[in-house]
Amino acid sequence: KWSFEYMRQVAGNKTVPLYDDRPVHHKDGFNEPHATM
């Protein structure tokens, strides 16, 4: 069952935390996301 399309169906309206590979900055909290979507 678990595919991108299934996740879109069951969780498409959820706001999710996003991270990328930017260097750590002192203002970043511990495991703080870089964006949401």
Full PDB file with SEQRES, HELIX, SHEET, SSBOND, CRYST1, ORIGX, SCALE, CONECT and MASTER records, all heavy atoms in Angstrom:
SEQRES   1 A   37  LYS TRP SER PHE GLU TYR MET ARG GLN VAL ALA GLY ASN          
SEQRES   2 A   37  LYS THR VAL PRO LEU TYR ASP ASP ARG PRO VAL HIS HIS          
SEQRES   3 A   37  LYS ASP GLY PHE ASN GLU PRO HIS ALA THR MET                  
HELIX    1 AA1 PHE A    4  ALA A   11  1                                   8    
SHEET    1 AA1 2 PRO A  17  LEU A  18  0                                        
SHEET    2 AA1 2 ALA A  35  THR A  36 -1                                        
CRYST1    1.000    1.000    1.000  90.00  90.00  90.00 P 1           1          
ORIGX1      1.000000  0.000000  0.000000        0.00000                         
ORIGX2      0.000000  1.000000  0.000000        0.00000                         
ORIGX3      0.000000  0.000000  1.000000        0.00000                         
SCALE1      1.000000  0.000000  0.000000        0.00000                         
SCALE2      0.000000  1.000000  0.000000        0.00000                         
SCALE3      0.000000  0.000000  1.000000        0.00000                         
ATOM      1  N   LYS A   1       0.799  -1.230   0.000  1.00  0.00           N  
ATOM      2  CA  LYS A   1       0.000   0.000   0.000  1.00  0.00           C  
ATOM      3  C   LYS A   1       0.828   1.275   0.000  1.00  0.00           C  
ATOM      4  O   LYS A   1       0.455   2.269  -0.632  1.00  0.00           O  
ATOM      5  CB  LYS A   1      -0.926   0.030   1.230  1.00  0.00           C  
ATOM      6  CG  LYS A   1      -2.091  -0.922   1.173  1.00  0.00           C  
ATOM      7  CD  LYS A   1      -2.810  -1.003   2.515  1.00  0.00           C  
ATOM      8  CE  LYS A   1      -3.446   0.307   2.929  1.00  0.00           C  
ATOM      9  NZ  LYS A   1      -4.201   0.162   4.203  1.00  0.00           N  
ATOM     10  N   TRP A   2       1.945   1.260   0.729  1.00  0.00           N  
ATOM     11  CA  TRP A   2       2.658   2.511   0.962  1.00  0.00           C  
ATOM     12  C   TRP A   2       3.417   2.950  -0.290  1.00  0.00           C  
ATOM     13  O   TRP A   2       4.417   2.348  -0.675  1.00  0.00           O  
ATOM     14  CB  TRP A   2       3.605   2.384   2.141  1.00  0.00           C  
ATOM     15  CG  TRP A   2       2.890   2.430   3.465  1.00  0.00           C  
ATOM     16  CD1 TRP A   2       1.558   2.244   3.679  1.00  0.00           C  
ATOM     17  CD2 TRP A   2       3.465   2.661   4.749  1.00  0.00           C  
ATOM     18  NE1 TRP A   2       1.262   2.346   5.015  1.00  0.00           N  
ATOM     19  CE2 TRP A   2       2.421   2.607   5.699  1.00  0.00           C  
ATOM     20  CE3 TRP A   2       4.759   2.911   5.195  1.00  0.00           C  
ATOM     21  CZ2 TRP A   2       2.631   2.783   7.067  1.00  0.00           C  
ATOM     22  CZ3 TRP A   2       4.981   3.084   6.549  1.00  0.00           C  
ATOM     23  CH2 TRP A   2       3.927   3.027   7.469  1.00  0.00           C  
ATOM     24  N   SER A   3       2.916   3.989  -0.901  1.00  0.00           N  
ATOM     25  CA  SER A   3       3.511   4.597  -2.084  1.00  0.00           C  
ATOM     26  C   SER A   3       3.365   6.102  -1.932  1.00  0.00           C  
ATOM     27  O   SER A   3       2.700   6.593  -1.012  1.00  0.00           O  
ATOM     28  CB  SER A   3       2.776   4.127  -3.341  1.00  0.00           C  
ATOM     29  OG  SER A   3       1.416   4.570  -3.304  1.00  0.00           O  
ATOM     30  N   PHE A   4       3.933   6.858  -2.851  1.00  0.00           N  
ATOM     31  CA  PHE A   4       3.754   8.310  -2.801  1.00  0.00           C  
ATOM     32  C   PHE A   4       2.280   8.678  -2.933  1.00  0.00           C  
ATOM     33  O   PHE A   4       1.782   9.573  -2.250  1.00  0.00           O  
ATOM     34  CB  PHE A   4       4.567   8.989  -3.905  1.00  0.00           C  
ATOM     35  CG  PHE A   4       6.053   8.957  -3.669  1.00  0.00           C  
ATOM     36  CD1 PHE A   4       6.918   8.478  -4.632  1.00  0.00           C  
ATOM     37  CD2 PHE A   4       6.594   9.421  -2.477  1.00  0.00           C  
ATOM     38  CE1 PHE A   4       8.280   8.460  -4.420  1.00  0.00           C  
ATOM     39  CE2 PHE A   4       7.959   9.405  -2.250  1.00  0.00           C  
ATOM     40  CZ  PHE A   4       8.812   8.917  -3.228  1.00  0.00           C  
ATOM     41  N   GLU A   5       1.572   7.963  -3.814  1.00  0.00           N  
ATOM     42  CA  GLU A   5       0.164   8.294  -4.035  1.00  0.00           C  
ATOM     43  C   GLU A   5      -0.670   7.995  -2.787  1.00  0.00           C  
ATOM     44  O   GLU A   5      -1.555   8.768  -2.418  1.00  0.00           O  
ATOM     45  CB  GLU A   5      -0.383   7.513  -5.232  1.00  0.00           C  
ATOM     46  CG  GLU A   5      -1.777   7.928  -5.655  1.00  0.00           C  
ATOM     47  CD  GLU A   5      -1.907   9.438  -5.869  1.00  0.00           C  
ATOM     48  OE1 GLU A   5      -1.018  10.038  -6.488  1.00  0.00           O  
ATOM     49  OE2 GLU A   5      -2.910  10.013  -5.385  1.00  0.00           O  
ATOM     50  N   TYR A   6      -0.372   6.889  -2.110  1.00  0.00           N  
ATOM     51  CA  TYR A   6      -1.106   6.558  -0.892  1.00  0.00           C  
ATOM     52  C   TYR A   6      -0.843   7.597   0.198  1.00  0.00           C  
ATOM     53  O   TYR A   6      -1.764   8.033   0.913  1.00  0.00           O  
ATOM     54  CB  TYR A   6      -0.704   5.163  -0.411  1.00  0.00           C  
ATOM     55  CG  TYR A   6      -1.460   4.689   0.810  1.00  0.00           C  
ATOM     56  CD1 TYR A   6      -2.829   4.458   0.755  1.00  0.00           C  
ATOM     57  CD2 TYR A   6      -0.810   4.468   2.022  1.00  0.00           C  
ATOM     58  CE1 TYR A   6      -3.534   4.026   1.875  1.00  0.00           C  
ATOM     59  CE2 TYR A   6      -1.494   4.028   3.142  1.00  0.00           C  
ATOM     60  CZ  TYR A   6      -2.857   3.816   3.062  1.00  0.00           C  
ATOM     61  OH  TYR A   6      -3.541   3.389   4.179  1.00  0.00           O  
ATOM     62  N   MET A   7       0.419   8.006   0.332  1.00  0.00           N  
ATOM     63  CA  MET A   7       0.741   9.036   1.323  1.00  0.00           C  
ATOM     64  C   MET A   7       0.051  10.356   0.983  1.00  0.00           C  
ATOM     65  O   MET A   7      -0.375  11.099   1.871  1.00  0.00           O  
ATOM     66  CB  MET A   7       2.258   9.233   1.416  1.00  0.00           C  
ATOM     67  CG  MET A   7       2.985   8.055   2.034  1.00  0.00           C  
ATOM     68  SD  MET A   7       2.471   7.785   3.759  1.00  0.00           S  
ATOM     69  CE  MET A   7       3.191   6.156   4.063  1.00  0.00           C  
ATOM     70  N   ARG A   8      -0.081  10.631  -0.293  1.00  0.00           N  
ATOM     71  CA  ARG A   8      -0.790  11.842  -0.706  1.00  0.00           C  
ATOM     72  C   ARG A   8      -2.262  11.769  -0.284  1.00  0.00           C  
ATOM     73  O   ARG A   8      -2.850  12.753   0.156  1.00  0.00           O  
ATOM     74  CB  ARG A   8      -0.666  12.011  -2.216  1.00  0.00           C  
ATOM     75  CG  ARG A   8      -1.212  13.337  -2.752  1.00  0.00           C  
ATOM     76  CD  ARG A   8      -1.060  13.446  -4.260  1.00  0.00           C  
ATOM     77  NE  ARG A   8       0.273  13.907  -4.638  1.00  0.00           N  
ATOM     78  CZ  ARG A   8       1.206  13.147  -5.184  1.00  0.00           C  
ATOM     79  NH1 ARG A   8       0.965  11.863  -5.414  1.00  0.00           N  
ATOM     80  NH2 ARG A   8       2.384  13.645  -5.510  1.00  0.00           N  
ATOM     81  N   GLN A   9      -2.854  10.584  -0.374  1.00  0.00           N  
ATOM     82  CA  GLN A   9      -4.266  10.402  -0.020  1.00  0.00           C  
ATOM     83  C   GLN A   9      -4.492  10.561   1.482  1.00  0.00           C  
ATOM     84  O   GLN A   9      -5.430  11.228   1.909  1.00  0.00           O  
ATOM     85  CB  GLN A   9      -4.743   9.022  -0.469  1.00  0.00           C  
ATOM     86  CG  GLN A   9      -4.861   8.840  -1.971  1.00  0.00           C  
ATOM     87  CD  GLN A   9      -5.169   7.394  -2.339  1.00  0.00           C  
ATOM     88  OE1 GLN A   9      -5.650   6.625  -1.499  1.00  0.00           O  
ATOM     89  NE2 GLN A   9      -4.877   7.018  -3.570  1.00  0.00           N  
ATOM     90  N   VAL A  10      -3.632   9.926   2.290  1.00  0.00           N  
ATOM     91  CA  VAL A  10      -3.897   9.884   3.732  1.00  0.00           C  
ATOM     92  C   VAL A  10      -3.276  11.053   4.496  1.00  0.00           C  
ATOM     93  O   VAL A  10      -3.683  11.337   5.624  1.00  0.00           O  
ATOM     94  CB  VAL A  10      -3.414   8.545   4.354  1.00  0.00           C  
ATOM     95  CG1 VAL A  10      -4.147   7.376   3.744  1.00  0.00           C  
ATOM     96  CG2 VAL A  10      -1.905   8.377   4.231  1.00  0.00           C  
ATOM     97  N   ALA A  11      -2.292  11.719   3.897  1.00  0.00           N  
ATOM     98  CA  ALA A  11      -1.579  12.770   4.645  1.00  0.00           C  
ATOM     99  C   ALA A  11      -1.347  14.029   3.826  1.00  0.00           C  
ATOM    100  O   ALA A  11      -0.594  14.906   4.252  1.00  0.00           O  
ATOM    101  CB  ALA A  11      -0.231  12.223   5.128  1.00  0.00           C  
ATOM    102  N   GLY A  12      -2.015  14.143   2.671  1.00  0.00           N  
ATOM    103  CA  GLY A  12      -1.748  15.267   1.779  1.00  0.00           C  
ATOM    104  C   GLY A  12      -1.988  16.628   2.388  1.00  0.00           C  
ATOM    105  O   GLY A  12      -1.329  17.616   2.026  1.00  0.00           O  
ATOM    106  N   ASN A  13      -2.917  16.703   3.344  1.00  0.00           N  
ATOM    107  CA  ASN A  13      -3.240  18.014   3.944  1.00  0.00           C  
ATOM    108  C   ASN A  13      -2.400  18.329   5.182  1.00  0.00           C  
ATOM    109  O   ASN A  13      -2.550  19.394   5.777  1.00  0.00           O  
ATOM    110  CB  ASN A  13      -4.729  18.073   4.315  1.00  0.00           C  
ATOM    111  CG  ASN A  13      -5.093  17.068   5.399  1.00  0.00           C  
ATOM    112  OD1 ASN A  13      -4.373  16.082   5.595  1.00  0.00           O  
ATOM    113  ND2 ASN A  13      -6.181  17.305   6.096  1.00  0.00           N  
ATOM    114  N   LYS A  14      -1.511  17.410   5.573  1.00  0.00           N  
ATOM    115  CA  LYS A  14      -0.664  17.638   6.744  1.00  0.00           C  
ATOM    116  C   LYS A  14       0.490  18.577   6.393  1.00  0.00           C  
ATOM    117  O   LYS A  14       1.046  18.517   5.298  1.00  0.00           O  
ATOM    118  CB  LYS A  14      -0.091  16.320   7.264  1.00  0.00           C  
ATOM    119  CG  LYS A  14      -1.134  15.327   7.755  1.00  0.00           C  
ATOM    120  CD  LYS A  14      -1.759  15.811   9.052  1.00  0.00           C  
ATOM    121  CE  LYS A  14      -2.752  14.788   9.596  1.00  0.00           C  
ATOM    122  NZ  LYS A  14      -3.383  15.251  10.835  1.00  0.00           N  
ATOM    123  N   THR A  15       0.841  19.437   7.345  1.00  0.00           N  
ATOM    124  CA  THR A  15       2.029  20.276   7.188  1.00  0.00           C  
ATOM    125  C   THR A  15       3.230  19.507   7.725  1.00  0.00           C  
ATOM    126  O   THR A  15       3.212  19.024   8.863  1.00  0.00           O  
ATOM    127  CB  THR A  15       1.870  21.599   7.953  1.00  0.00           C  
ATOM    128  OG1 THR A  15       0.749  22.313   7.405  1.00  0.00           O  
ATOM    129  CG2 THR A  15       3.118  22.446   7.821  1.00  0.00           C  
ATOM    130  N   VAL A  16       4.271  19.372   6.895  1.00  0.00           N  
ATOM    131  CA  VAL A  16       5.410  18.529   7.275  1.00  0.00           C  
ATOM    132  C   VAL A  16       6.673  19.377   7.426  1.00  0.00           C  
ATOM    133  O   VAL A  16       6.854  20.394   6.745  1.00  0.00           O  
ATOM    134  CB  VAL A  16       5.646  17.418   6.224  1.00  0.00           C  
ATOM    135  CG1 VAL A  16       4.478  16.440   6.227  1.00  0.00           C  
ATOM    136  CG2 VAL A  16       5.851  17.988   4.822  1.00  0.00           C  
ATOM    137  N   PRO A  17       7.575  18.964   8.354  1.00  0.00           N  
ATOM    138  CA  PRO A  17       8.848  19.677   8.554  1.00  0.00           C  
ATOM    139  C   PRO A  17       9.849  19.252   7.497  1.00  0.00           C  
ATOM    140  O   PRO A  17       9.969  18.063   7.172  1.00  0.00           O  
ATOM    141  CB  PRO A  17       9.283  19.207   9.944  1.00  0.00           C  
ATOM    142  CG  PRO A  17       8.711  17.825  10.055  1.00  0.00           C  
ATOM    143  CD  PRO A  17       7.426  17.834   9.276  1.00  0.00           C  
ATOM    144  N   LEU A  18      10.586  20.203   6.944  1.00  0.00           N  
ATOM    145  CA  LEU A  18      11.553  19.907   5.890  1.00  0.00           C  
ATOM    146  C   LEU A  18      12.950  20.359   6.302  1.00  0.00           C  
ATOM    147  O   LEU A  18      13.123  21.395   6.943  1.00  0.00           O  
ATOM    148  CB  LEU A  18      11.148  20.604   4.589  1.00  0.00           C  
ATOM    149  CG  LEU A  18       9.782  20.217   4.016  1.00  0.00           C  
ATOM    150  CD1 LEU A  18       9.474  21.055   2.784  1.00  0.00           C  
ATOM    151  CD2 LEU A  18       9.725  18.737   3.685  1.00  0.00           C  
ATOM    152  N   TYR A  19      13.938  19.573   5.897  1.00  0.00           N  
ATOM    153  CA  TYR A  19      15.339  19.845   6.187  1.00  0.00           C  
ATOM    154  C   TYR A  19      16.133  19.760   4.894  1.00  0.00           C  
ATOM    155  O   TYR A  19      15.772  19.007   3.986  1.00  0.00           O  
ATOM    156  CB  TYR A  19      15.896  18.813   7.183  1.00  0.00           C  
ATOM    157  CG  TYR A  19      15.162  18.769   8.505  1.00  0.00           C  
ATOM    158  CD1 TYR A  19      13.956  18.083   8.622  1.00  0.00           C  
ATOM    159  CD2 TYR A  19      15.678  19.404   9.629  1.00  0.00           C  
ATOM    160  CE1 TYR A  19      13.271  18.054   9.825  1.00  0.00           C  
ATOM    161  CE2 TYR A  19      15.006  19.366  10.841  1.00  0.00           C  
ATOM    162  CZ  TYR A  19      13.805  18.692  10.934  1.00  0.00           C  
ATOM    163  OH  TYR A  19      13.134  18.659  12.128  1.00  0.00           O  
ATOM    164  N   ASP A  20      17.233  20.515   4.812  1.00  0.00           N  
ATOM    165  CA  ASP A  20      18.120  20.372   3.665  1.00  0.00           C  
ATOM    166  C   ASP A  20      19.549  20.233   4.168  1.00  0.00           C  
ATOM    167  O   ASP A  20      19.765  19.961   5.349  1.00  0.00           O  
ATOM    168  CB  ASP A  20      17.952  21.530   2.672  1.00  0.00           C  
ATOM    169  CG  ASP A  20      18.206  22.899   3.306  1.00  0.00           C  
ATOM    170  OD1 ASP A  20      18.948  22.963   4.314  1.00  0.00           O  
ATOM    171  OD2 ASP A  20      17.660  23.893   2.803  1.00  0.00           O  
ATOM    172  N   ASP A  21      20.536  20.403   3.275  1.00  0.00           N  
ATOM    173  CA  ASP A  21      21.922  20.163   3.676  1.00  0.00           C  
ATOM    174  C   ASP A  21      22.699  21.453   3.914  1.00  0.00           C  
ATOM    175  O   ASP A  21      23.919  21.470   3.820  1.00  0.00           O  
ATOM    176  CB  ASP A  21      22.640  19.290   2.641  1.00  0.00           C  
ATOM    177  CG  ASP A  21      22.639  19.928   1.249  1.00  0.00           C  
ATOM    178  OD1 ASP A  21      22.078  21.028   1.092  1.00  0.00           O  
ATOM    179  OD2 ASP A  21      23.198  19.321   0.319  1.00  0.00           O  
ATOM    180  N   ARG A  22      21.994  22.534   4.256  1.00  0.00           N  
ATOM    181  CA  ARG A  22      22.700  23.781   4.567  1.00  0.00           C  
ATOM    182  C   ARG A  22      23.531  23.606   5.833  1.00  0.00           C  
ATOM    183  O   ARG A  22      23.164  22.812   6.723  1.00  0.00           O  
ATOM    184  CB  ARG A  22      21.707  24.933   4.735  1.00  0.00           C  
ATOM    185  CG  ARG A  22      20.892  24.889   6.013  1.00  0.00           C  
ATOM    186  CD  ARG A  22      19.815  25.961   6.047  1.00  0.00           C  
ATOM    187  NE  ARG A  22      18.753  25.701   5.077  1.00  0.00           N  
ATOM    188  CZ  ARG A  22      17.696  26.480   4.899  1.00  0.00           C  
ATOM    189  NH1 ARG A  22      17.542  27.560   5.652  1.00  0.00           N  
ATOM    190  NH2 ARG A  22      16.782  26.176   3.996  1.00  0.00           N  
ATOM    191  N   PRO A  23      24.657  24.330   5.946  1.00  0.00           N  
ATOM    192  CA  PRO A  23      25.477  24.227   7.163  1.00  0.00           C  
ATOM    193  C   PRO A  23      24.689  24.657   8.404  1.00  0.00           C  
ATOM    194  O   PRO A  23      23.793  25.503   8.327  1.00  0.00           O  
ATOM    195  CB  PRO A  23      26.629  25.204   6.887  1.00  0.00           C  
ATOM    196  CG  PRO A  23      26.663  25.363   5.412  1.00  0.00           C  
ATOM    197  CD  PRO A  23      25.245  25.215   4.947  1.00  0.00           C  
ATOM    198  N   VAL A  24      25.035  24.060   9.533  1.00  0.00           N  
ATOM    199  CA  VAL A  24      24.392  24.419  10.795  1.00  0.00           C  
ATOM    200  C   VAL A  24      24.671  25.887  11.105  1.00  0.00           C  
ATOM    201  O   VAL A  24      25.795  26.371  10.965  1.00  0.00           O  
ATOM    202  CB  VAL A  24      24.913  23.530  11.940  1.00  0.00           C  
ATOM    203  CG1 VAL A  24      24.407  24.030  13.281  1.00  0.00           C  
ATOM    204  CG2 VAL A  24      24.487  22.087  11.719  1.00  0.00           C  
ATOM    205  N   HIS A  25      23.642  26.598  11.514  1.00  0.00           N  
ATOM    206  CA  HIS A  25      23.770  28.004  11.902  1.00  0.00           C  
ATOM    207  C   HIS A  25      23.422  28.130  13.378  1.00  0.00           C  
ATOM    208  O   HIS A  25      22.586  27.369  13.893  1.00  0.00           O  
ATOM    209  CB  HIS A  25      22.834  28.881  11.059  1.00  0.00           C  
ATOM    210  CG  HIS A  25      23.070  30.352  11.190  1.00  0.00           C  
ATOM    211  ND1 HIS A  25      22.488  31.116  12.198  1.00  0.00           N  
ATOM    212  CD2 HIS A  25      23.845  31.199  10.467  1.00  0.00           C  
ATOM    213  CE1 HIS A  25      22.896  32.365  12.071  1.00  0.00           C  
ATOM    214  NE2 HIS A  25      23.715  32.457  11.030  1.00  0.00           N  
ATOM    215  N   HIS A  26      24.038  29.109  14.052  1.00  0.00           N  
ATOM    216  CA  HIS A  26      23.836  29.209  15.496  1.00  0.00           C  
ATOM    217  C   HIS A  26      22.392  29.516  15.875  1.00  0.00           C  
ATOM    218  O   HIS A  26      21.957  29.226  16.986  1.00  0.00           O  
ATOM    219  CB  HIS A  26      24.759  30.277  16.093  1.00  0.00           C  
ATOM    220  CG  HIS A  26      24.357  31.691  15.804  1.00  0.00           C  
ATOM    221  ND1 HIS A  26      24.660  32.331  14.620  1.00  0.00           N  
ATOM    222  CD2 HIS A  26      23.660  32.590  16.545  1.00  0.00           C  
ATOM    223  CE1 HIS A  26      24.187  33.555  14.652  1.00  0.00           C  
ATOM    224  NE2 HIS A  26      23.569  33.742  15.804  1.00  0.00           N  
ATOM    225  N   LYS A  27      21.626  30.080  14.944  1.00  0.00           N  
ATOM    226  CA  LYS A  27      20.229  30.393  15.244  1.00  0.00           C  
ATOM    227  C   LYS A  27      19.311  29.177  15.103  1.00  0.00           C  
ATOM    228  O   LYS A  27      18.148  29.225  15.505  1.00  0.00           O  
ATOM    229  CB  LYS A  27      19.736  31.524  14.340  1.00  0.00           C  
ATOM    230  CG  LYS A  27      20.385  32.865  14.637  1.00  0.00           C  
ATOM    231  CD  LYS A  27      19.823  33.976  13.765  1.00  0.00           C  
ATOM    232  CE  LYS A  27      20.473  35.314  14.082  1.00  0.00           C  
ATOM    233  NZ  LYS A  27      19.967  36.399  13.193  1.00  0.00           N  
ATOM    234  N   ASP A  28      19.829  28.098  14.507  1.00  0.00           N  
ATOM    235  CA  ASP A  28      19.014  26.888  14.350  1.00  0.00           C  
ATOM    236  C   ASP A  28      18.882  26.186  15.695  1.00  0.00           C  
ATOM    237  O   ASP A  28      19.884  25.933  16.373  1.00  0.00           O  
ATOM    238  CB  ASP A  28      19.664  25.909  13.360  1.00  0.00           C  
ATOM    239  CG  ASP A  28      19.749  26.479  11.956  1.00  0.00           C  
ATOM    240  OD1 ASP A  28      18.923  27.347  11.637  1.00  0.00           O  
ATOM    241  OD2 ASP A  28      20.628  26.046  11.191  1.00  0.00           O  
ATOM    242  N   GLY A  29      17.661  25.863  16.086  1.00  0.00           N  
ATOM    243  CA  GLY A  29      17.454  25.055  17.280  1.00  0.00           C  
ATOM    244  C   GLY A  29      17.792  23.605  17.011  1.00  0.00           C  
ATOM    245  O   GLY A  29      18.027  23.197  15.871  1.00  0.00           O  
ATOM    246  N   PHE A  30      17.813  22.789  18.059  1.00  0.00           N  
ATOM    247  CA  PHE A  30      18.137  21.377  17.911  1.00  0.00           C  
ATOM    248  C   PHE A  30      17.052  20.702  17.064  1.00  0.00           C  
ATOM    249  O   PHE A  30      15.881  20.712  17.411  1.00  0.00           O  
ATOM    250  CB  PHE A  30      18.238  20.712  19.284  1.00  0.00           C  
ATOM    251  CG  PHE A  30      18.781  19.315  19.238  1.00  0.00           C  
ATOM    252  CD1 PHE A  30      20.145  19.103  19.215  1.00  0.00           C  
ATOM    253  CD2 PHE A  30      17.930  18.226  19.191  1.00  0.00           C  
ATOM    254  CE1 PHE A  30      20.660  17.817  19.156  1.00  0.00           C  
ATOM    255  CE2 PHE A  30      18.432  16.947  19.136  1.00  0.00           C  
ATOM    256  CZ  PHE A  30      19.805  16.738  19.121  1.00  0.00           C  
ATOM    257  N   ASN A  31      17.463  20.141  15.911  1.00  0.00           N  
ATOM    258  CA  ASN A  31      16.541  19.473  14.971  1.00  0.00           C  
ATOM    259  C   ASN A  31      15.408  20.394  14.506  1.00  0.00           C  
ATOM    260  O   ASN A  31      14.301  19.937  14.210  1.00  0.00           O  
ATOM    261  CB  ASN A  31      15.945  18.202  15.583  1.00  0.00           C  
ATOM    262  CG  ASN A  31      16.890  17.019  15.470  1.00  0.00           C  
ATOM    263  OD1 ASN A  31      17.862  17.056  14.727  1.00  0.00           O  
ATOM    264  ND2 ASN A  31      16.594  15.965  16.211  1.00  0.00           N  
ATOM    265  N   GLU A  32      15.679  21.683  14.424  1.00  0.00           N  
ATOM    266  CA  GLU A  32      14.652  22.620  13.972  1.00  0.00           C  
ATOM    267  C   GLU A  32      14.558  22.594  12.448  1.00  0.00           C  
ATOM    268  O   GLU A  32      15.578  22.676  11.760  1.00  0.00           O  
ATOM    269  CB  GLU A  32      15.022  24.031  14.446  1.00  0.00           C  
ATOM    270  CG  GLU A  32      13.985  25.086  14.120  1.00  0.00           C  
ATOM    271  CD  GLU A  32      14.375  26.438  14.686  1.00  0.00           C  
ATOM    272  OE1 GLU A  32      14.725  26.484  15.884  1.00  0.00           O  
ATOM    273  OE2 GLU A  32      14.351  27.432  13.936  1.00  0.00           O  
ATOM    274  N   PRO A  33      13.344  22.456  11.876  1.00  0.00           N  
ATOM    275  CA  PRO A  33      13.227  22.358  10.412  1.00  0.00           C  
ATOM    276  C   PRO A  33      13.612  23.660   9.718  1.00  0.00           C  
ATOM    277  O   PRO A  33      13.513  24.751  10.289  1.00  0.00           O  
ATOM    278  CB  PRO A  33      11.751  22.029  10.195  1.00  0.00           C  
ATOM    279  CG  PRO A  33      11.056  22.494  11.420  1.00  0.00           C  
ATOM    280  CD  PRO A  33      12.037  22.348  12.542  1.00  0.00           C  
ATOM    281  N   HIS A  34      14.056  23.529   8.467  1.00  0.00           N  
ATOM    282  CA  HIS A  34      14.435  24.690   7.661  1.00  0.00           C  
ATOM    283  C   HIS A  34      13.236  25.270   6.909  1.00  0.00           C  
ATOM    284  O   HIS A  34      13.276  26.411   6.454  1.00  0.00           O  
ATOM    285  CB  HIS A  34      15.517  24.293   6.664  1.00  0.00           C  
ATOM    286  CG  HIS A  34      16.768  23.796   7.308  1.00  0.00           C  
ATOM    287  ND1 HIS A  34      17.419  22.647   6.917  1.00  0.00           N  
ATOM    288  CD2 HIS A  34      17.481  24.289   8.364  1.00  0.00           C  
ATOM    289  CE1 HIS A  34      18.482  22.468   7.669  1.00  0.00           C  
ATOM    290  NE2 HIS A  34      18.541  23.438   8.558  1.00  0.00           N  
ATOM    291  N   ALA A  35      12.180  24.477   6.752  1.00  0.00           N  
ATOM    292  CA  ALA A  35      10.982  24.946   6.049  1.00  0.00           C  
ATOM    293  C   ALA A  35       9.840  24.000   6.391  1.00  0.00           C  
ATOM    294  O   ALA A  35      10.040  22.933   6.996  1.00  0.00           O  
ATOM    295  CB  ALA A  35      11.215  24.958   4.538  1.00  0.00           C  
ATOM    296  N   THR A  36       8.632  24.407   6.055  1.00  0.00           N  
ATOM    297  CA  THR A  36       7.469  23.523   6.163  1.00  0.00           C  
ATOM    298  C   THR A  36       6.676  23.607   4.858  1.00  0.00           C  
ATOM    299  O   THR A  36       6.791  24.581   4.113  1.00  0.00           O  
ATOM    300  CB  THR A  36       6.561  23.909   7.344  1.00  0.00           C  
ATOM    301  OG1 THR A  36       6.127  25.261   7.177  1.00  0.00           O  
ATOM    302  CG2 THR A  36       7.280  23.765   8.674  1.00  0.00           C  
ATOM    303  N   MET A  37       5.856  22.592   4.609  1.00  0.00           N  
ATOM    304  CA  MET A  37       5.094  22.522   3.368  1.00  0.00           C  
ATOM    305  C   MET A  37       3.958  21.526   3.558  1.00  0.00           C  
ATOM    306  O   MET A  37       4.066  20.611   4.391  1.00  0.00           O  
ATOM    307  CB  MET A  37       6.027  22.055   2.239  1.00  0.00           C  
ATOM    308  CG  MET A  37       5.516  22.217   0.826  1.00  0.00           C  
ATOM    309  SD  MET A  37       6.744  21.623  -0.416  1.00  0.00           S  
ATOM    310  CE  MET A  37       8.018  22.880  -0.265  1.00  0.00           C  
TER     311      MET A  37                                                      
MASTER        0    0    0    1    2    0    0    6  310    1    0    3          
END                                                                             
